[in-house]
Amino acid sequence: MLFISIAATLWCTDVLAHGVDNNTRAFLQQNEGIQFIPFLYIGAKHMVTGYDHLLFLLGVIFFLYRSKEILLFVTLFTIGHSTTLLLGVLMHIQVNAYLIDAIIGLSVVYKGFDNLGGFKRCFNWQPDARVAVFIFGLCHGFGLATKLQEFELSDNGLFANLVAFNLGVEVGQFSALAVILILITAWRKLPSFQRFATTTNTLLMSAGLMLMGYQLTGYFLS
């Protein structure tokens, strides 16, 4: 069940929360010059273990059945986070890490709420999902940029390394998305999909709220 996977993911928060192991941390802090393959690998690893990004993508594609629609929304998300990832680091745009991660948690809440038809029921209004995914993509990119800025990367080879990291993020995103699509496509063929779709998206919202609370607690205690 997808909602069990969500719960398991949150249970491992301390392990997977944008985890940067000691070897990766040391490499990023000491690196000089272009290191394309290592940054490609780090980017892919970061996305695959980035539970907040993956939960948002799960919400985005949950009720998308056509390949064209999936491609459109994933492309909008990709353009958004790629733009702010590159600009954030290259232009030294500083964003509070706790607050941007809280907004990323909000994006998960939004998508679960949207999937439940909450905007129509509560506000008799439906936001443009394409615009929302793009805007939240920008926020997710700032989250990635903020994480990289913590390591004060060397300017020597910075642009090439950022491109490599971003490509790695896309590789990780594509790989994770492929697995999610395979699982959710198989689940849609079972009667339990319709029975538990509401429960799953409610838990998706709950996961987003937990992420928001976790990050806001860190912000107010820092």
N, C-alpha and C. Protein backbone atom coordinates (compact mmCIF):
# COMPACT_ATOMS: atom_id res chain seq x y z
N MET A 1 0.83 -1.20 0.00
CA MET A 1 0.00 0.00 0.00
C MET A 1 0.87 1.25 0.00
N LEU A 2 0.49 2.22 -0.81
CA LEU A 2 1.27 3.44 -0.91
C LEU A 2 1.31 4.20 0.40
N PHE A 3 0.16 4.21 1.13
CA PHE A 3 0.16 5.00 2.35
C PHE A 3 1.06 4.38 3.42
N ILE A 4 1.26 3.06 3.36
CA ILE A 4 2.20 2.43 4.27
C ILE A 4 3.62 2.88 3.94
N SER A 5 3.91 3.01 2.65
CA SER A 5 5.22 3.50 2.24
C SER A 5 5.46 4.91 2.74
N ILE A 6 4.41 5.74 2.70
CA ILE A 6 4.52 7.11 3.19
C ILE A 6 4.86 7.10 4.69
N ALA A 7 4.13 6.28 5.45
CA ALA A 7 4.38 6.21 6.88
C ALA A 7 5.80 5.72 7.17
N ALA A 8 6.24 4.72 6.42
CA ALA A 8 7.58 4.19 6.61
C ALA A 8 8.63 5.23 6.28
N THR A 9 8.35 6.01 5.26
CA THR A 9 9.29 7.06 4.87
C THR A 9 9.45 8.07 5.99
N LEU A 10 8.34 8.50 6.57
CA LEU A 10 8.42 9.48 7.65
C LEU A 10 9.06 8.89 8.90
N TRP A 11 8.87 7.60 9.12
CA TRP A 11 9.50 6.96 10.27
C TRP A 11 11.00 7.04 10.18
N CYS A 12 11.51 7.08 8.93
CA CYS A 12 12.96 7.13 8.71
C CYS A 12 13.45 8.56 8.48
N THR A 13 12.71 9.54 8.97
CA THR A 13 13.04 10.93 8.72
C THR A 13 14.48 11.27 9.06
N ASP A 14 14.95 10.87 10.22
CA ASP A 14 16.28 11.24 10.66
C ASP A 14 17.35 10.65 9.75
N VAL A 15 17.03 9.51 9.13
CA VAL A 15 18.00 8.86 8.27
C VAL A 15 18.01 9.45 6.88
N LEU A 16 16.83 9.77 6.36
CA LEU A 16 16.71 10.15 4.96
C LEU A 16 16.50 11.63 4.72
N ALA A 17 16.40 12.43 5.75
CA ALA A 17 16.06 13.84 5.57
C ALA A 17 17.21 14.58 4.90
N HIS A 18 17.20 14.52 3.58
CA HIS A 18 18.27 15.17 2.81
C HIS A 18 19.63 14.72 3.33
N GLY A 19 19.71 13.43 3.63
CA GLY A 19 20.91 12.92 4.27
C GLY A 19 22.17 13.20 3.48
N VAL A 20 23.18 13.71 4.18
CA VAL A 20 24.50 13.92 3.60
C VAL A 20 25.48 13.19 4.50
N ASP A 21 26.02 12.06 4.02
CA ASP A 21 26.93 11.29 4.85
C ASP A 21 28.26 12.04 4.99
N ASN A 22 29.08 11.57 5.91
CA ASN A 22 30.33 12.26 6.23
C ASN A 22 31.27 12.34 5.04
N ASN A 23 31.33 11.27 4.24
CA ASN A 23 32.22 11.27 3.08
C ASN A 23 31.78 12.31 2.05
N THR A 24 30.46 12.38 1.81
CA THR A 24 29.93 13.36 0.85
C THR A 24 30.16 14.77 1.37
N ARG A 25 29.92 14.96 2.66
CA ARG A 25 30.11 16.27 3.28
C ARG A 25 31.57 16.73 3.12
N ALA A 26 32.51 15.83 3.39
CA ALA A 26 33.92 16.15 3.28
C ALA A 26 34.29 16.47 1.83
N PHE A 27 33.74 15.71 0.90
CA PHE A 27 34.02 15.94 -0.52
C PHE A 27 33.53 17.31 -0.96
N LEU A 28 32.30 17.66 -0.59
CA LEU A 28 31.74 18.94 -1.01
C LEU A 28 32.50 20.12 -0.41
N GLN A 29 32.94 19.97 0.81
CA GLN A 29 33.62 21.07 1.48
C GLN A 29 35.06 21.26 0.98
N GLN A 30 35.68 20.19 0.50
CA GLN A 30 37.08 20.26 0.11
C GLN A 30 37.28 20.29 -1.40
N ASN A 31 36.20 20.10 -2.17
CA ASN A 31 36.35 19.96 -3.61
C ASN A 31 36.87 21.24 -4.28
N GLU A 32 37.75 21.04 -5.24
CA GLU A 32 38.25 22.12 -6.10
C GLU A 32 38.22 21.63 -7.55
N GLY A 33 37.68 22.46 -8.44
CA GLY A 33 37.67 22.10 -9.85
C GLY A 33 36.45 21.29 -10.23
N ILE A 34 36.38 20.94 -11.52
CA ILE A 34 35.23 20.23 -12.06
C ILE A 34 35.29 18.75 -11.66
N GLN A 35 34.21 18.29 -11.05
CA GLN A 35 34.06 16.89 -10.67
C GLN A 35 32.68 16.44 -11.13
N PHE A 36 32.53 16.22 -12.43
CA PHE A 36 31.21 16.02 -13.02
C PHE A 36 30.52 14.77 -12.50
N ILE A 37 31.19 13.64 -12.56
CA ILE A 37 30.56 12.37 -12.18
C ILE A 37 30.20 12.33 -10.69
N PRO A 38 31.11 12.75 -9.79
CA PRO A 38 30.72 12.76 -8.37
C PRO A 38 29.51 13.63 -8.08
N PHE A 39 29.45 14.82 -8.70
CA PHE A 39 28.30 15.70 -8.46
C PHE A 39 27.03 15.12 -9.09
N LEU A 40 27.18 14.43 -10.21
CA LEU A 40 26.04 13.75 -10.83
C LEU A 40 25.47 12.71 -9.86
N TYR A 41 26.37 11.93 -9.27
CA TYR A 41 25.96 10.88 -8.32
C TYR A 41 25.31 11.49 -7.08
N ILE A 42 25.91 12.56 -6.55
CA ILE A 42 25.37 13.19 -5.34
C ILE A 42 23.97 13.75 -5.61
N GLY A 43 23.77 14.36 -6.79
CA GLY A 43 22.46 14.88 -7.14
C GLY A 43 21.41 13.79 -7.22
N ALA A 44 21.77 12.67 -7.86
CA ALA A 44 20.82 11.56 -7.99
C ALA A 44 20.48 10.98 -6.62
N LYS A 45 21.51 10.81 -5.79
CA LYS A 45 21.30 10.26 -4.45
C LYS A 45 20.42 11.18 -3.62
N HIS A 46 20.65 12.48 -3.74
CA HIS A 46 19.89 13.45 -2.97
C HIS A 46 18.40 13.38 -3.32
N MET A 47 18.09 13.25 -4.61
CA MET A 47 16.69 13.20 -5.00
C MET A 47 16.05 11.88 -4.58
N VAL A 48 16.75 10.77 -4.74
CA VAL A 48 16.18 9.47 -4.40
C VAL A 48 15.88 9.38 -2.91
N THR A 49 16.71 10.03 -2.08
CA THR A 49 16.48 10.00 -0.63
C THR A 49 15.71 11.23 -0.14
N GLY A 50 15.30 12.10 -1.06
CA GLY A 50 14.55 13.30 -0.68
C GLY A 50 13.07 13.00 -0.57
N TYR A 51 12.64 12.54 0.60
CA TYR A 51 11.26 12.09 0.79
C TYR A 51 10.24 13.19 0.51
N ASP A 52 10.58 14.46 0.80
CA ASP A 52 9.61 15.53 0.58
C ASP A 52 9.36 15.75 -0.91
N HIS A 53 10.42 15.71 -1.71
CA HIS A 53 10.26 15.84 -3.16
C HIS A 53 9.42 14.68 -3.72
N LEU A 54 9.71 13.47 -3.24
CA LEU A 54 9.03 12.29 -3.75
C LEU A 54 7.57 12.26 -3.34
N LEU A 55 7.27 12.69 -2.11
CA LEU A 55 5.87 12.75 -1.69
C LEU A 55 5.08 13.73 -2.55
N PHE A 56 5.71 14.87 -2.87
CA PHE A 56 5.04 15.85 -3.72
C PHE A 56 4.77 15.26 -5.10
N LEU A 57 5.77 14.59 -5.68
CA LEU A 57 5.60 13.98 -7.00
C LEU A 57 4.53 12.89 -6.96
N LEU A 58 4.49 12.13 -5.87
CA LEU A 58 3.44 11.12 -5.72
C LEU A 58 2.07 11.78 -5.79
N GLY A 59 1.91 12.89 -5.07
CA GLY A 59 0.64 13.60 -5.10
C GLY A 59 0.31 14.15 -6.48
N VAL A 60 1.33 14.64 -7.17
CA VAL A 60 1.12 15.23 -8.50
C VAL A 60 0.58 14.20 -9.48
N ILE A 61 1.14 13.00 -9.47
CA ILE A 61 0.76 12.01 -10.49
C ILE A 61 -0.34 11.06 -10.02
N PHE A 62 -0.80 11.23 -8.78
CA PHE A 62 -1.71 10.24 -8.20
C PHE A 62 -2.94 10.00 -9.08
N PHE A 63 -3.54 11.07 -9.59
CA PHE A 63 -4.74 10.93 -10.41
C PHE A 63 -4.48 11.28 -11.89
N LEU A 64 -3.23 11.24 -12.30
CA LEU A 64 -2.91 11.47 -13.71
C LEU A 64 -2.79 10.12 -14.42
N TYR A 65 -3.59 9.95 -15.47
CA TYR A 65 -3.61 8.66 -16.16
C TYR A 65 -2.95 8.73 -17.54
N ARG A 66 -2.90 9.91 -18.11
CA ARG A 66 -2.35 10.05 -19.47
C ARG A 66 -0.88 10.43 -19.40
N SER A 67 -0.09 9.77 -20.26
CA SER A 67 1.36 10.04 -20.29
C SER A 67 1.65 11.50 -20.61
N LYS A 68 0.83 12.10 -21.47
CA LYS A 68 1.03 13.49 -21.85
C LYS A 68 0.88 14.42 -20.65
N GLU A 69 -0.09 14.15 -19.80
CA GLU A 69 -0.31 14.98 -18.61
C GLU A 69 0.83 14.79 -17.61
N ILE A 70 1.24 13.56 -17.42
CA ILE A 70 2.34 13.29 -16.50
C ILE A 70 3.60 14.02 -16.95
N LEU A 71 3.89 13.94 -18.25
CA LEU A 71 5.07 14.60 -18.81
C LEU A 71 4.99 16.11 -18.61
N LEU A 72 3.81 16.68 -18.82
CA LEU A 72 3.63 18.13 -18.67
C LEU A 72 3.93 18.57 -17.23
N PHE A 73 3.33 17.90 -16.27
CA PHE A 73 3.49 18.33 -14.88
C PHE A 73 4.90 18.08 -14.36
N VAL A 74 5.48 16.97 -14.75
CA VAL A 74 6.86 16.69 -14.32
C VAL A 74 7.82 17.69 -14.96
N THR A 75 7.55 18.08 -16.20
CA THR A 75 8.39 19.07 -16.87
C THR A 75 8.30 20.42 -16.18
N LEU A 76 7.08 20.84 -15.82
CA LEU A 76 6.91 22.11 -15.11
C LEU A 76 7.65 22.09 -13.77
N PHE A 77 7.55 20.98 -13.06
CA PHE A 77 8.25 20.85 -11.78
C PHE A 77 9.76 20.90 -12.00
N THR A 78 10.23 20.23 -13.04
CA THR A 78 11.66 20.18 -13.34
C THR A 78 12.21 21.55 -13.71
N ILE A 79 11.49 22.28 -14.57
CA ILE A 79 11.92 23.63 -14.95
C ILE A 79 12.00 24.53 -13.73
N GLY A 80 11.00 24.40 -12.86
CA GLY A 80 10.96 25.23 -11.66
C GLY A 80 12.14 24.97 -10.75
N HIS A 81 12.37 23.71 -10.39
CA HIS A 81 13.44 23.46 -9.41
C HIS A 81 14.83 23.59 -10.02
N SER A 82 14.95 23.36 -11.32
CA SER A 82 16.26 23.55 -11.97
C SER A 82 16.65 25.02 -12.00
N THR A 83 15.66 25.88 -12.25
CA THR A 83 15.91 27.32 -12.33
C THR A 83 16.42 27.87 -11.00
N THR A 84 15.70 27.59 -9.93
CA THR A 84 16.08 28.16 -8.64
C THR A 84 17.29 27.47 -8.04
N LEU A 85 17.51 26.21 -8.39
CA LEU A 85 18.73 25.53 -7.94
C LEU A 85 19.96 26.24 -8.47
N LEU A 86 19.99 26.50 -9.78
CA LEU A 86 21.14 27.14 -10.39
C LEU A 86 21.27 28.60 -9.96
N LEU A 87 20.17 29.34 -10.05
CA LEU A 87 20.23 30.76 -9.70
C LEU A 87 20.51 30.98 -8.22
N GLY A 88 19.92 30.14 -7.39
CA GLY A 88 20.11 30.29 -5.96
C GLY A 88 21.57 30.19 -5.55
N VAL A 89 22.27 29.20 -6.12
CA VAL A 89 23.68 29.02 -5.77
C VAL A 89 24.57 30.04 -6.47
N LEU A 90 24.37 30.22 -7.77
CA LEU A 90 25.25 31.11 -8.53
C LEU A 90 25.09 32.57 -8.12
N MET A 91 23.87 32.98 -7.76
CA MET A 91 23.63 34.37 -7.39
C MET A 91 23.62 34.58 -5.88
N HIS A 92 23.96 33.52 -5.15
CA HIS A 92 24.04 33.59 -3.68
C HIS A 92 22.75 34.12 -3.05
N ILE A 93 21.63 33.60 -3.53
CA ILE A 93 20.34 33.98 -2.97
C ILE A 93 20.11 33.15 -1.71
N GLN A 94 20.10 33.80 -0.57
CA GLN A 94 20.00 33.12 0.71
C GLN A 94 18.53 32.98 1.13
N VAL A 95 18.14 31.76 1.44
CA VAL A 95 16.80 31.47 1.93
C VAL A 95 16.95 30.63 3.19
N ASN A 96 16.17 30.95 4.22
CA ASN A 96 16.27 30.18 5.45
C ASN A 96 15.91 28.72 5.17
N ALA A 97 16.79 27.81 5.54
CA ALA A 97 16.62 26.39 5.22
C ALA A 97 15.36 25.82 5.86
N TYR A 98 15.08 26.20 7.10
CA TYR A 98 13.90 25.68 7.78
C TYR A 98 12.61 26.16 7.11
N LEU A 99 12.58 27.44 6.76
CA LEU A 99 11.36 27.99 6.18
C LEU A 99 11.09 27.43 4.78
N ILE A 100 12.15 27.29 3.97
CA ILE A 100 11.93 26.77 2.62
C ILE A 100 11.51 25.31 2.67
N ASP A 101 12.07 24.56 3.63
CA ASP A 101 11.65 23.16 3.77
C ASP A 101 10.23 23.06 4.32
N ALA A 102 9.82 24.05 5.13
CA ALA A 102 8.43 24.08 5.59
C ALA A 102 7.49 24.33 4.42
N ILE A 103 7.90 25.21 3.50
CA ILE A 103 7.09 25.46 2.30
C ILE A 103 7.01 24.21 1.44
N ILE A 104 8.11 23.48 1.36
CA ILE A 104 8.10 22.22 0.61
C ILE A 104 7.12 21.24 1.26
N GLY A 105 7.09 21.22 2.60
CA GLY A 105 6.08 20.42 3.28
C GLY A 105 4.67 20.89 2.94
N LEU A 106 4.50 22.21 2.85
CA LEU A 106 3.21 22.77 2.46
C LEU A 106 2.80 22.30 1.07
N SER A 107 3.77 22.14 0.17
CA SER A 107 3.45 21.68 -1.18
C SER A 107 2.84 20.28 -1.14
N VAL A 108 3.30 19.45 -0.21
CA VAL A 108 2.75 18.11 -0.06
C VAL A 108 1.31 18.20 0.47
N VAL A 109 1.10 19.10 1.44
CA VAL A 109 -0.25 19.31 1.96
C VAL A 109 -1.17 19.78 0.84
N TYR A 110 -0.71 20.75 0.07
CA TYR A 110 -1.51 21.27 -1.04
C TYR A 110 -1.95 20.16 -1.98
N LYS A 111 -1.01 19.30 -2.38
CA LYS A 111 -1.35 18.30 -3.39
C LYS A 111 -2.31 17.27 -2.85
N GLY A 112 -2.14 16.86 -1.59
CA GLY A 112 -3.11 15.94 -1.01
C GLY A 112 -4.49 16.57 -0.92
N PHE A 113 -4.53 17.83 -0.48
CA PHE A 113 -5.80 18.57 -0.36
C PHE A 113 -6.45 18.73 -1.73
N ASP A 114 -5.65 19.05 -2.73
CA ASP A 114 -6.16 19.21 -4.09
C ASP A 114 -6.72 17.90 -4.62
N ASN A 115 -5.99 16.80 -4.39
CA ASN A 115 -6.45 15.50 -4.85
C ASN A 115 -7.77 15.08 -4.21
N LEU A 116 -8.01 15.57 -2.99
CA LEU A 116 -9.26 15.26 -2.29
C LEU A 116 -10.40 16.18 -2.72
N GLY A 117 -10.12 17.11 -3.64
CA GLY A 117 -11.14 18.06 -4.07
C GLY A 117 -11.45 19.11 -3.04
N GLY A 118 -10.49 19.37 -2.16
CA GLY A 118 -10.72 20.29 -1.06
C GLY A 118 -10.99 21.72 -1.47
N PHE A 119 -10.35 22.18 -2.52
CA PHE A 119 -10.55 23.58 -2.94
C PHE A 119 -11.97 23.80 -3.44
N LYS A 120 -12.49 22.83 -4.19
CA LYS A 120 -13.86 22.94 -4.69
C LYS A 120 -14.87 22.88 -3.55
N ARG A 121 -14.64 21.96 -2.63
CA ARG A 121 -15.59 21.77 -1.55
C ARG A 121 -15.58 22.92 -0.54
N CYS A 122 -14.38 23.40 -0.23
CA CYS A 122 -14.27 24.41 0.84
C CYS A 122 -14.34 25.84 0.33
N PHE A 123 -13.86 26.08 -0.89
CA PHE A 123 -13.76 27.45 -1.39
C PHE A 123 -14.49 27.67 -2.71
N ASN A 124 -15.07 26.60 -3.25
CA ASN A 124 -15.74 26.68 -4.55
C ASN A 124 -14.81 27.31 -5.60
N TRP A 125 -13.57 26.92 -5.53
CA TRP A 125 -12.54 27.49 -6.43
C TRP A 125 -11.46 26.45 -6.64
N GLN A 126 -10.96 26.38 -7.85
CA GLN A 126 -9.93 25.41 -8.16
C GLN A 126 -8.69 26.11 -8.73
N PRO A 127 -7.56 26.10 -8.00
CA PRO A 127 -6.35 26.73 -8.53
C PRO A 127 -5.84 25.97 -9.76
N ASP A 128 -5.13 26.69 -10.62
CA ASP A 128 -4.53 26.07 -11.80
C ASP A 128 -3.40 25.15 -11.34
N ALA A 129 -3.59 23.86 -11.51
CA ALA A 129 -2.61 22.89 -11.02
C ALA A 129 -1.26 23.07 -11.68
N ARG A 130 -1.25 23.49 -12.94
CA ARG A 130 0.02 23.68 -13.66
C ARG A 130 0.83 24.81 -13.03
N VAL A 131 0.17 25.91 -12.72
CA VAL A 131 0.84 27.05 -12.09
C VAL A 131 1.35 26.65 -10.71
N ALA A 132 0.51 25.95 -9.96
CA ALA A 132 0.89 25.55 -8.60
C ALA A 132 2.11 24.63 -8.61
N VAL A 133 2.13 23.67 -9.51
CA VAL A 133 3.26 22.74 -9.58
C VAL A 133 4.54 23.48 -9.97
N PHE A 134 4.43 24.43 -10.88
CA PHE A 134 5.61 25.20 -11.27
C PHE A 134 6.13 26.04 -10.11
N ILE A 135 5.22 26.73 -9.41
CA ILE A 135 5.62 27.58 -8.28
C ILE A 135 6.26 26.74 -7.17
N PHE A 136 5.64 25.62 -6.86
CA PHE A 136 6.23 24.76 -5.84
C PHE A 136 7.54 24.15 -6.33
N GLY A 137 7.66 23.96 -7.64
CA GLY A 137 8.94 23.51 -8.19
C GLY A 137 10.04 24.52 -7.91
N LEU A 138 9.72 25.81 -8.03
CA LEU A 138 10.68 26.86 -7.69
C LEU A 138 11.10 26.75 -6.23
N CYS A 139 10.13 26.47 -5.36
CA CYS A 139 10.44 26.34 -3.93
C CYS A 139 11.32 25.13 -3.67
N HIS A 140 11.02 24.02 -4.31
CA HIS A 140 11.83 22.82 -4.15
C HIS A 140 13.26 23.08 -4.61
N GLY A 141 13.42 23.86 -5.67
CA GLY A 141 14.76 24.19 -6.16
C GLY A 141 15.54 25.02 -5.16
N PHE A 142 14.87 25.96 -4.50
CA PHE A 142 15.54 26.74 -3.46
C PHE A 142 15.95 25.85 -2.29
N GLY A 143 15.15 24.82 -2.04
CA GLY A 143 15.52 23.87 -1.00
C GLY A 143 16.81 23.15 -1.34
N LEU A 144 16.95 22.75 -2.60
CA LEU A 144 18.18 22.10 -3.06
C LEU A 144 19.35 23.08 -3.01
N ALA A 145 19.11 24.31 -3.45
CA ALA A 145 20.17 25.32 -3.46
C ALA A 145 20.65 25.62 -2.05
N THR A 146 19.71 25.73 -1.12
CA THR A 146 20.06 26.03 0.27
C THR A 146 20.95 24.94 0.85
N LYS A 147 20.62 23.69 0.53
CA LYS A 147 21.44 22.58 1.02
C LYS A 147 22.87 22.68 0.48
N LEU A 148 23.02 23.01 -0.81
CA LEU A 148 24.37 23.13 -1.39
C LEU A 148 25.12 24.32 -0.81
N GLN A 149 24.40 25.41 -0.54
CA GLN A 149 25.06 26.60 -0.03
C GLN A 149 25.67 26.38 1.35
N GLU A 150 25.17 25.41 2.07
CA GLU A 150 25.71 25.11 3.39
C GLU A 150 27.18 24.70 3.32
N PHE A 151 27.59 24.18 2.16
CA PHE A 151 28.94 23.64 2.04
C PHE A 151 29.92 24.65 1.45
N GLU A 152 29.43 25.85 1.11
CA GLU A 152 30.31 26.91 0.59
C GLU A 152 31.22 26.37 -0.51
N LEU A 153 30.59 25.90 -1.59
CA LEU A 153 31.32 25.27 -2.68
C LEU A 153 32.32 26.24 -3.32
N SER A 154 33.42 25.70 -3.77
CA SER A 154 34.44 26.50 -4.43
C SER A 154 33.91 27.04 -5.76
N ASP A 155 34.32 28.27 -6.11
CA ASP A 155 33.92 28.86 -7.38
C ASP A 155 34.63 28.19 -8.57
N ASN A 156 35.70 27.48 -8.28
CA ASN A 156 36.47 26.79 -9.32
C ASN A 156 35.67 25.59 -9.85
N GLY A 157 35.13 25.73 -11.06
CA GLY A 157 34.33 24.66 -11.65
C GLY A 157 32.91 24.60 -11.13
N LEU A 158 32.46 25.66 -10.46
CA LEU A 158 31.16 25.64 -9.81
C LEU A 158 30.01 25.41 -10.79
N PHE A 159 30.00 26.15 -11.91
CA PHE A 159 28.88 26.03 -12.84
C PHE A 159 28.76 24.61 -13.39
N ALA A 160 29.88 24.05 -13.82
CA ALA A 160 29.85 22.69 -14.37
C ALA A 160 29.40 21.69 -13.31
N ASN A 161 29.86 21.88 -12.08
CA ASN A 161 29.46 20.97 -11.00
C ASN A 161 27.98 21.10 -10.68
N LEU A 162 27.46 22.33 -10.74
CA LEU A 162 26.03 22.53 -10.49
C LEU A 162 25.19 21.88 -11.58
N VAL A 163 25.65 22.01 -12.83
CA VAL A 163 24.94 21.36 -13.94
C VAL A 163 24.93 19.85 -13.73
N ALA A 164 26.08 19.30 -13.32
CA ALA A 164 26.16 17.87 -13.06
C ALA A 164 25.22 17.46 -11.92
N PHE A 165 25.20 18.26 -10.85
CA PHE A 165 24.32 17.97 -9.72
C PHE A 165 22.86 18.00 -10.16
N ASN A 166 22.51 19.01 -10.96
CA ASN A 166 21.13 19.13 -11.44
C ASN A 166 20.75 17.97 -12.34
N LEU A 167 21.66 17.55 -13.21
CA LEU A 167 21.40 16.39 -14.06
C LEU A 167 21.21 15.14 -13.20
N GLY A 168 22.02 15.04 -12.14
CA GLY A 168 21.86 13.92 -11.22
C GLY A 168 20.50 13.93 -10.55
N VAL A 169 20.05 15.12 -10.17
CA VAL A 169 18.72 15.26 -9.58
C VAL A 169 17.66 14.74 -10.55
N GLU A 170 17.82 15.08 -11.83
CA GLU A 170 16.85 14.63 -12.83
C GLU A 170 16.90 13.11 -13.01
N VAL A 171 18.11 12.56 -12.98
CA VAL A 171 18.24 11.10 -13.08
C VAL A 171 17.56 10.42 -11.89
N GLY A 172 17.82 10.96 -10.70
CA GLY A 172 17.18 10.41 -9.50
C GLY A 172 15.68 10.56 -9.55
N GLN A 173 15.22 11.73 -10.01
CA GLN A 173 13.79 11.97 -10.11
C GLN A 173 13.14 11.01 -11.09
N PHE A 174 13.77 10.82 -12.25
CA PHE A 174 13.22 9.92 -13.27
C PHE A 174 13.17 8.49 -12.73
N SER A 175 14.22 8.06 -12.05
CA SER A 175 14.28 6.70 -11.53
C SER A 175 13.19 6.47 -10.48
N ALA A 176 13.08 7.42 -9.53
CA ALA A 176 12.07 7.29 -8.49
C ALA A 176 10.66 7.36 -9.08
N LEU A 177 10.48 8.26 -10.04
CA LEU A 177 9.17 8.42 -10.65
C LEU A 177 8.76 7.17 -11.42
N ALA A 178 9.73 6.53 -12.07
CA ALA A 178 9.44 5.29 -12.81
C ALA A 178 8.93 4.21 -11.86
N VAL A 179 9.57 4.10 -10.70
CA VAL A 179 9.14 3.10 -9.71
C VAL A 179 7.75 3.44 -9.19
N ILE A 180 7.53 4.72 -8.88
CA ILE A 180 6.21 5.15 -8.38
C ILE A 180 5.13 4.86 -9.41
N LEU A 181 5.41 5.17 -10.67
CA LEU A 181 4.42 4.95 -11.73
C LEU A 181 4.10 3.48 -11.91
N ILE A 182 5.12 2.64 -11.83
CA ILE A 182 4.90 1.19 -11.96
C ILE A 182 3.99 0.70 -10.84
N LEU A 183 4.28 1.14 -9.61
CA LEU A 183 3.50 0.70 -8.46
C LEU A 183 2.08 1.22 -8.50
N ILE A 184 1.95 2.51 -8.83
CA ILE A 184 0.61 3.10 -8.79
C ILE A 184 -0.24 2.61 -9.95
N THR A 185 0.39 2.32 -11.11
CA THR A 185 -0.34 1.77 -12.24
C THR A 185 -0.87 0.38 -11.91
N ALA A 186 -0.05 -0.42 -11.24
CA ALA A 186 -0.49 -1.75 -10.83
C ALA A 186 -1.61 -1.64 -9.80
N TRP A 187 -1.47 -0.67 -8.88
CA TRP A 187 -2.49 -0.52 -7.82
C TRP A 187 -3.82 -0.07 -8.40
N ARG A 188 -3.79 0.75 -9.45
CA ARG A 188 -5.03 1.24 -10.04
C ARG A 188 -5.89 0.12 -10.61
N LYS A 189 -5.31 -1.01 -10.90
CA LYS A 189 -6.05 -2.14 -11.46
C LYS A 189 -6.77 -2.93 -10.39
N LEU A 190 -6.50 -2.61 -9.12
CA LEU A 190 -7.12 -3.33 -8.02
C LEU A 190 -8.27 -2.53 -7.43
N PRO A 191 -9.29 -3.20 -6.93
CA PRO A 191 -10.43 -2.50 -6.30
C PRO A 191 -10.01 -1.60 -5.14
N SER A 192 -8.91 -1.95 -4.49
CA SER A 192 -8.49 -1.18 -3.32
C SER A 192 -8.06 0.24 -3.65
N PHE A 193 -7.75 0.50 -4.93
CA PHE A 193 -7.30 1.85 -5.28
C PHE A 193 -8.39 2.88 -4.99
N GLN A 194 -9.59 2.64 -5.46
CA GLN A 194 -10.68 3.57 -5.22
C GLN A 194 -11.07 3.60 -3.75
N ARG A 195 -10.98 2.46 -3.08
CA ARG A 195 -11.36 2.41 -1.67
C ARG A 195 -10.40 3.21 -0.80
N PHE A 196 -9.11 3.17 -1.14
CA PHE A 196 -8.10 3.78 -0.29
C PHE A 196 -7.49 5.05 -0.86
N ALA A 197 -8.00 5.53 -2.00
CA ALA A 197 -7.45 6.76 -2.58
C ALA A 197 -7.63 7.94 -1.63
N THR A 198 -8.80 8.03 -1.02
CA THR A 198 -9.05 9.13 -0.08
C THR A 198 -8.15 9.01 1.15
N THR A 199 -8.04 7.80 1.66
CA THR A 199 -7.19 7.58 2.83
C THR A 199 -5.74 7.93 2.52
N THR A 200 -5.27 7.52 1.35
CA THR A 200 -3.89 7.77 0.97
C THR A 200 -3.60 9.26 0.88
N ASN A 201 -4.49 10.01 0.26
CA ASN A 201 -4.26 11.45 0.11
C ASN A 201 -4.45 12.19 1.44
N THR A 202 -5.29 11.66 2.31
CA THR A 202 -5.39 12.23 3.66
C THR A 202 -4.08 12.04 4.40
N LEU A 203 -3.49 10.86 4.27
CA LEU A 203 -2.21 10.60 4.90
C LEU A 203 -1.09 11.42 4.24
N LEU A 204 -1.25 11.68 2.94
CA LEU A 204 -0.28 12.53 2.26
C LEU A 204 -0.31 13.93 2.86
N MET A 205 -1.51 14.45 3.10
CA MET A 205 -1.64 15.74 3.76
C MET A 205 -1.03 15.70 5.16
N SER A 206 -1.30 14.63 5.88
CA SER A 206 -0.76 14.50 7.23
C SER A 206 0.76 14.48 7.22
N ALA A 207 1.32 13.79 6.22
CA ALA A 207 2.78 13.75 6.08
C ALA A 207 3.33 15.16 5.85
N GLY A 208 2.67 15.92 4.98
CA GLY A 208 3.09 17.29 4.72
C GLY A 208 3.02 18.16 5.96
N LEU A 209 1.95 17.99 6.74
CA LEU A 209 1.82 18.76 7.98
C LEU A 209 2.91 18.40 8.98
N MET A 210 3.26 17.12 9.03
CA MET A 210 4.33 16.69 9.92
C MET A 210 5.66 17.31 9.49
N LEU A 211 5.89 17.33 8.17
CA LEU A 211 7.11 17.94 7.66
C LEU A 211 7.16 19.43 7.99
N MET A 212 6.04 20.11 7.81
CA MET A 212 5.96 21.53 8.14
C MET A 212 6.25 21.76 9.62
N GLY A 213 5.60 20.96 10.46
CA GLY A 213 5.80 21.11 11.89
C GLY A 213 7.23 20.86 12.30
N TYR A 214 7.83 19.85 11.72
CA TYR A 214 9.23 19.51 12.02
C TYR A 214 10.15 20.67 11.68
N GLN A 215 9.95 21.26 10.49
CA GLN A 215 10.82 22.35 10.04
C GLN A 215 10.55 23.64 10.80
N LEU A 216 9.30 23.95 11.06
CA LEU A 216 8.97 25.17 11.79
C LEU A 216 9.47 25.09 13.24
N THR A 217 9.42 23.90 13.81
CA THR A 217 9.98 23.73 15.15
C THR A 217 11.47 24.02 15.15
N GLY A 218 12.15 23.52 14.12
CA GLY A 218 13.58 23.79 13.99
C GLY A 218 13.85 25.28 13.81
N TYR A 219 12.97 25.96 13.06
CA TYR A 219 13.16 27.41 12.83
C TYR A 219 13.02 28.19 14.12
N PHE A 220 11.99 27.91 14.90
CA PHE A 220 11.74 28.69 16.11
C PHE A 220 12.71 28.34 17.25
N LEU A 221 13.30 27.16 17.16
CA LEU A 221 14.26 26.76 18.19
C LEU A 221 15.70 27.10 17.82
N SER A 222 15.91 27.52 16.57
CA SER A 222 17.28 27.80 16.12
C SER A 222 17.73 29.19 16.57
